[in-house]
C-alpha atoms as a PDB file:
ATOM      1  CA  MET A   1    -185.471 -37.339 -62.447  1.00  0.00           C
ATOM      2  CA  THR A   2    -184.433 -40.851 -63.358  1.00  0.00           C
ATOM      3  CA  TRP A   3    -181.850 -41.791 -65.986  1.00  0.00           C
ATOM      4  CA  ASP A   4    -183.152 -44.650 -68.055  1.00  0.00           C
ATOM      5  CA  ARG A   5    -181.377 -46.199 -71.034  1.00  0.00           C
ATOM      6  CA  THR A   6    -183.518 -44.445 -73.613  1.00  0.00           C
ATOM      7  CA  ARG A   7    -182.749 -41.007 -72.247  1.00  0.00           C
ATOM      8  CA  VAL A   8    -178.993 -41.743 -72.078  1.00  0.00           C
ATOM      9  CA  ARG A   9    -178.963 -43.054 -75.660  1.00  0.00           C
ATOM     10  CA  ARG A  10    -180.864 -40.008 -76.865  1.00  0.00           C
ATOM     11  CA  LEU A  11    -178.284 -37.738 -75.260  1.00  0.00           C
ATOM     12  CA  LEU A  12    -175.216 -39.703 -76.430  1.00  0.00           C
ATOM     13  CA  TRP A  13    -176.171 -40.256 -80.089  1.00  0.00           C
ATOM     14  CA  PRO A  14    -175.501 -36.634 -81.095  1.00  0.00           C
ATOM     15  CA  LEU A  15    -172.081 -36.845 -79.380  1.00  0.00           C
ATOM     16  CA  LEU A  16    -170.987 -39.987 -81.244  1.00  0.00           C
ATOM     17  CA  PRO A  17    -170.093 -38.200 -84.539  1.00  0.00           C
ATOM     18  CA  LEU A  18    -168.097 -35.606 -82.581  1.00  0.00           C
ATOM     19  CA  LEU A  19    -166.169 -38.333 -80.768  1.00  0.00           C
ATOM     20  CA  ILE A  20    -165.408 -40.120 -84.050  1.00  0.00           C
ATOM     21  CA  LEU A  21    -164.304 -36.840 -85.685  1.00  0.00           C
ATOM     22  CA  GLY A  22    -162.110 -35.993 -82.703  1.00  0.00           C
ATOM     23  CA  ALA A  23    -160.498 -39.445 -82.800  1.00  0.00           C
ATOM     24  CA  GLY A  24    -159.829 -39.070 -86.548  1.00  0.00           C
ATOM     25  CA  ILE A  25    -158.256 -35.628 -86.149  1.00  0.00           C
ATOM     26  CA  THR A  26    -156.091 -36.845 -83.259  1.00  0.00           C
ATOM     27  CA  ALA A  27    -154.932 -39.910 -85.218  1.00  0.00           C
ATOM     28  CA  ASN A  28    -154.068 -37.774 -88.268  1.00  0.00           C
ATOM     29  CA  TRP A  29    -152.134 -35.262 -86.107  1.00  0.00           C
ATOM     30  CA  TRP A  30    -150.185 -38.078 -84.450  1.00  0.00           C
ATOM     31  CA  TRP A  31    -149.368 -39.686 -87.834  1.00  0.00           C
ATOM     32  CA  ARG A  32    -148.292 -36.353 -89.417  1.00  0.00           C
ATOM     33  CA  ARG A  33    -146.085 -35.572 -86.410  1.00  0.00           C
ATOM     34  CA  GLY A  34    -143.672 -38.229 -87.646  1.00  0.00           C
ATOM     35  CA  GLU A  35    -140.762 -39.675 -85.764  1.00  0.00           C
ATOM     36  CA  VAL A  36    -137.476 -38.289 -84.470  1.00  0.00           C
ATOM     37  CA  VAL A  37    -134.634 -39.972 -86.407  1.00  0.00           C
ATOM     38  CA  ALA A  38    -131.673 -37.992 -85.043  1.00  0.00           C
ATOM     39  CA  LYS A  39    -131.093 -35.714 -82.089  1.00  0.00           C
ATOM     40  CA  ALA A  40    -128.072 -33.813 -80.733  1.00  0.00           C
ATOM     41  CA  GLU A  41    -127.498 -31.423 -77.837  1.00  0.00           C
ATOM     42  CA  PHE A  42    -125.009 -28.588 -77.333  1.00  0.00           C
ATOM     43  CA  ASP A  43    -124.792 -27.106 -73.841  1.00  0.00           C
ATOM     44  CA  PRO A  44    -122.881 -23.786 -73.653  1.00  0.00           C
ATOM     45  CA  GLY A  45    -123.549 -23.618 -69.911  1.00  0.00           C
ATOM     46  CA  ILE A  46    -126.586 -21.323 -69.870  1.00  0.00           C
ATOM     47  CA  ALA A  47    -129.371 -23.226 -71.583  1.00  0.00           C
ATOM     48  CA  PRO A  48    -128.884 -26.242 -73.847  1.00  0.00           C
ATOM     49  CA  PHE A  49    -129.529 -26.150 -77.575  1.00  0.00           C
ATOM     50  CA  THR A  50    -131.054 -29.197 -79.229  1.00  0.00           C
ATOM     51  CA  ILE A  51    -131.167 -30.220 -82.881  1.00  0.00           C
ATOM     52  CA  GLU A  52    -133.945 -32.570 -83.834  1.00  0.00           C
ATOM     53  CA  VAL A  53    -134.402 -34.243 -87.231  1.00  0.00           C
ATOM     54  CA  ARG A  54    -137.946 -35.484 -87.691  1.00  0.00           C
ATOM     55  CA  ARG A  55    -139.150 -37.713 -90.566  1.00  0.00           C
ATOM     56  CA  VAL A  56    -142.768 -36.897 -91.453  1.00  0.00           C
ATOM     57  CA  PRO A  57    -144.977 -38.649 -94.021  1.00  0.00           C
ATOM     58  CA  VAL A  58    -146.211 -36.656 -97.021  1.00  0.00           C
ATOM     59  CA  PRO A  59    -148.247 -38.840 -99.393  1.00  0.00           C
ATOM     60  CA  VAL A  60    -148.411 -36.147-102.107  1.00  0.00           C
ATOM     61  CA  THR A  61    -144.670 -36.393-102.882  1.00  0.00           C
ATOM     62  CA  ASN A  62    -144.521 -40.194-102.418  1.00  0.00           C
ATOM     63  CA  SER A  63    -141.763 -39.686 -99.856  1.00  0.00           C
ATOM     64  CA  LYS A  64    -141.134 -38.555 -96.327  1.00  0.00           C
ATOM     65  CA  HIS A  65    -139.946 -35.067 -95.508  1.00  0.00           C
ATOM     66  CA  PHE A  66    -137.220 -34.248 -93.011  1.00  0.00           C
ATOM     67  CA  ILE A  67    -137.752 -31.271 -90.738  1.00  0.00           C
ATOM     68  CA  ILE A  68    -134.538 -30.089 -89.097  1.00  0.00           C
ATOM     69  CA  SER A  69    -135.194 -27.884 -86.067  1.00  0.00           C
ATOM     70  CA  LEU A  70    -132.811 -26.089 -83.724  1.00  0.00           C
ATOM     71  CA  TYR A  71    -134.329 -25.506 -80.282  1.00  0.00           C
ATOM     72  CA  ARG A  72    -133.228 -23.503 -77.273  1.00  0.00           C
ATOM     73  CA  GLY A  73    -135.243 -25.045 -74.505  1.00  0.00           C
ATOM     74  CA  GLN A  74    -138.738 -25.453 -75.932  1.00  0.00           C
ATOM     75  CA  TYR A  75    -138.469 -22.613 -78.452  1.00  0.00           C
ATOM     76  CA  VAL A  76    -137.540 -23.105 -82.124  1.00  0.00           C
ATOM     77  CA  VAL A  77    -134.573 -20.944 -83.159  1.00  0.00           C
ATOM     78  CA  THR A  78    -134.597 -22.030 -86.827  1.00  0.00           C
ATOM     79  CA  SER A  79    -135.899 -24.911 -88.887  1.00  0.00           C
ATOM     80  CA  PHE A  80    -135.933 -26.136 -92.462  1.00  0.00           C
ATOM     81  CA  ARG A  81    -137.633 -28.901 -94.461  1.00  0.00           C
ATOM     82  CA  TYR A  82    -135.879 -31.151 -96.979  1.00  0.00           C
ATOM     83  CA  PHE A  83    -137.445 -33.770 -99.218  1.00  0.00           C
ATOM     84  CA  TRP A  84    -136.795 -35.702-102.387  1.00  0.00           C
ATOM     85  CA  PRO A  85    -139.893 -36.674-104.458  1.00  0.00           C
ATOM     86  CA  GLY A  86    -140.132 -40.469-104.651  1.00  0.00           C
ATOM     87  CA  TYR A  87    -137.088 -41.029-102.421  1.00  0.00           C
ATOM     88  CA  THR A  88    -136.597 -41.153 -98.657  1.00  0.00           C
ATOM     89  CA  PRO A  89    -133.068 -41.340 -97.201  1.00  0.00           C
ATOM     90  CA  GLU A  90    -132.547 -44.125 -94.680  1.00  0.00           C
ATOM     91  CA  HIS A  91    -129.613 -42.849 -92.599  1.00  0.00           C
ATOM     92  CA  VAL A  92    -129.357 -39.448 -90.904  1.00  0.00           C
ATOM     93  CA  ARG A  93    -126.336 -38.151 -89.013  1.00  0.00           C
ATOM     94  CA  ILE A  94    -125.790 -34.820 -87.209  1.00  0.00           C
ATOM     95  CA  SER A  95    -122.400 -33.106 -86.905  1.00  0.00           C
ATOM     96  CA  TRP A  96    -122.165 -30.092 -84.580  1.00  0.00           C
ATOM     97  CA  PRO A  97    -118.535 -28.916 -84.271  1.00  0.00           C
ATOM     98  CA  CYS A  98    -119.361 -25.438 -82.917  1.00  0.00           C
ATOM     99  CA  MET A  99    -122.464 -23.729 -81.665  1.00  0.00           C
ATOM    100  CA  SER A 100    -123.065 -21.450 -84.667  1.00  0.00           C
ATOM    101  CA  GLN A 101    -123.026 -24.111 -87.380  1.00  0.00           C
ATOM    102  CA  PHE A 102    -124.082 -27.709 -87.831  1.00  0.00           C
ATOM    103  CA  THR A 103    -124.554 -30.216 -90.635  1.00  0.00           C
ATOM    104  CA  VAL A 104    -127.050 -33.007 -91.171  1.00  0.00           C
ATOM    105  CA  THR A 105    -125.978 -35.791 -93.531  1.00  0.00           C
ATOM    106  CA  PHE A 106    -128.536 -37.939 -95.342  1.00  0.00           C
ATOM    107  CA  ASP A 107    -127.452 -41.391 -96.627  1.00  0.00           C
ATOM    108  CA  ASP A 108    -123.780 -40.311 -96.480  1.00  0.00           C
ATOM    109  CA  LYS A 109    -124.176 -38.299 -99.686  1.00  0.00           C
ATOM    110  CA  TYR A 110    -126.414 -35.254 -99.084  1.00  0.00           C
ATOM    111  CA  GLU A 111    -125.223 -32.679 -96.564  1.00  0.00           C
ATOM    112  CA  ALA A 112    -127.483 -29.913 -95.225  1.00  0.00           C
ATOM    113  CA  ARG A 113    -125.538 -27.092 -93.569  1.00  0.00           C
ATOM    114  CA  CYS A 114    -126.896 -24.390 -91.288  1.00  0.00           C
ATOM    115  CA  VAL A 115    -124.897 -21.339 -90.214  1.00  0.00           C
ATOM    116  CA  TRP A 116    -126.784 -19.192 -87.740  1.00  0.00           C
ATOM    117  CA  SER A 117    -126.353 -16.453 -85.154  1.00  0.00           C
ATOM    118  CA  TRP A 118    -128.614 -14.595 -82.750  1.00  0.00           C
ATOM    119  CA  GLY A 119    -130.283 -11.612 -84.377  1.00  0.00           C
ATOM    120  CA  ALA A 120    -128.825 -12.295 -87.818  1.00  0.00           C
ATOM    121  CA  GLY A 121    -130.941 -15.312 -88.802  1.00  0.00           C
ATOM    122  CA  ALA A 122    -129.820 -18.554 -90.356  1.00  0.00           C
ATOM    123  CA  SER A 123    -128.392 -19.568 -93.704  1.00  0.00           C
ATOM    124  CA  TRP A 124    -129.282 -23.060 -94.979  1.00  0.00           C
ATOM    125  CA  SER A 125    -127.568 -24.829 -97.872  1.00  0.00           C
ATOM    126  CA  MET A 126    -127.461 -28.341 -99.317  1.00  0.00           C
ATOM    127  CA  THR A 127    -124.476 -30.092-100.900  1.00  0.00           C
ATOM    128  CA  VAL A 128    -125.575 -32.550-103.583  1.00  0.00           C
ATOM    129  CA  PRO A 129    -123.112 -34.977-105.221  1.00  0.00           C
ATOM    130  CA  GLU A 130    -122.666 -34.771-108.985  1.00  0.00           C
ATOM    131  CA  GLY A 131    -125.362 -36.730-110.811  1.00  0.00           C
ATOM    132  CA  GLU A 132    -127.642 -37.194-107.776  1.00  0.00           C
ATOM    133  CA  ARG A 133    -131.189 -35.915-107.527  1.00  0.00           C
ATOM    134  CA  LYS A 134    -131.677 -32.516-105.909  1.00  0.00           C
ATOM    135  CA  PRO A 135    -134.017 -32.053-102.953  1.00  0.00           C
ATOM    136  CA  GLY A 136    -137.355 -30.311-103.399  1.00  0.00           C
ATOM    137  CA  LEU A 137    -139.568 -29.857-106.410  1.00  0.00           C
ATOM    138  CA  SER A 138    -138.347 -28.848-109.840  1.00  0.00           C
ATOM    139  CA  PRO A 139    -138.731 -25.185-110.874  1.00  0.00           C
ATOM    140  CA  TYR A 140    -141.569 -26.331-113.172  1.00  0.00           C
ATOM    141  CA  PHE A 141    -143.922 -26.401-110.190  1.00  0.00           C
ATOM    142  CA  PHE A 142    -143.225 -22.725-109.437  1.00  0.00           C
ATOM    143  CA  THR A 143    -143.443 -21.371-112.989  1.00  0.00           C
ATOM    144  CA  PRO A 144    -146.589 -19.263-113.558  1.00  0.00           C
ATOM    145  CA  ARG A 145    -149.036 -20.985-115.910  1.00  0.00           C
ATOM    146  CA  LYS A 146    -150.893 -17.787-116.794  1.00  0.00           C
ATOM    147  CA  ALA A 147    -149.613 -14.423-117.950  1.00  0.00           C
ATOM    148  CA  PRO A 148    -149.140 -11.915-115.105  1.00  0.00           C
ATOM    149  CA  PRO A 149    -151.925  -9.348-114.706  1.00  0.00           C
ATOM    150  CA  PRO A 150    -151.545  -5.983-116.446  1.00  0.00           C
ATOM    151  CA  GLY A 151    -149.322  -3.584-114.522  1.00  0.00           C
ATOM    152  CA  CYS A 152    -147.265  -6.349-112.958  1.00  0.00           C
ATOM    153  CA  PRO A 153    -143.534  -5.526-113.245  1.00  0.00           C
ATOM    154  CA  LYS A 154    -141.482  -7.790-115.490  1.00  0.00           C
ATOM    155  CA  THR A 155    -138.845  -9.776-113.626  1.00  0.00           C
ATOM    156  CA  SER A 156    -136.573 -12.648-114.597  1.00  0.00           C
ATOM    157  CA  SER A 157    -138.713 -15.111-112.602  1.00  0.00           C
ATOM    158  CA  CYS A 158    -142.015 -13.858-113.995  1.00  0.00           C
ATOM    159  CA  ARG A 159    -142.398 -14.556-117.690  1.00  0.00           C
ATOM    160  CA  SER A 160    -145.420 -14.289-119.925  1.00  0.00           C
ATOM    161  CA  ILE A 161    -146.820 -17.526-121.304  1.00  0.00           C
ATOM    162  CA  GLU A 162    -148.895 -17.073-124.425  1.00  0.00           C
END
């Protein structure tokens, strides 16, 4: 059996769309992965903990989101995402005074705080200066647009729109 150019082309043409699709998916994954803008390590002597703040692009909100992750080795212990629609902070700083709590400061005015412990989970909060925009979307985006179905219990967050 001889391999001439025609036979090779006939075999490779069906693979070309798959190669282009694979390249597109890989490029999109790499772009969405973002970049690490701050990193800190705390080593209690057993296995080091690492905090990583990653800035990822999100075209829908016209801003970049910040994903704060606490790792022990390669495993994520806790993580949270902060974003401000139409605004992306430029400066990020990590403060880690003790192992069970840390803060991440954005543009020297927003402070994200995490208090965590093994087995009890993590508590995340954000301090926003008076008069500054709050992170995330407004409650309008989470308000039901249609009335709840019959039999649905009435709660303070679920109101009927007529």
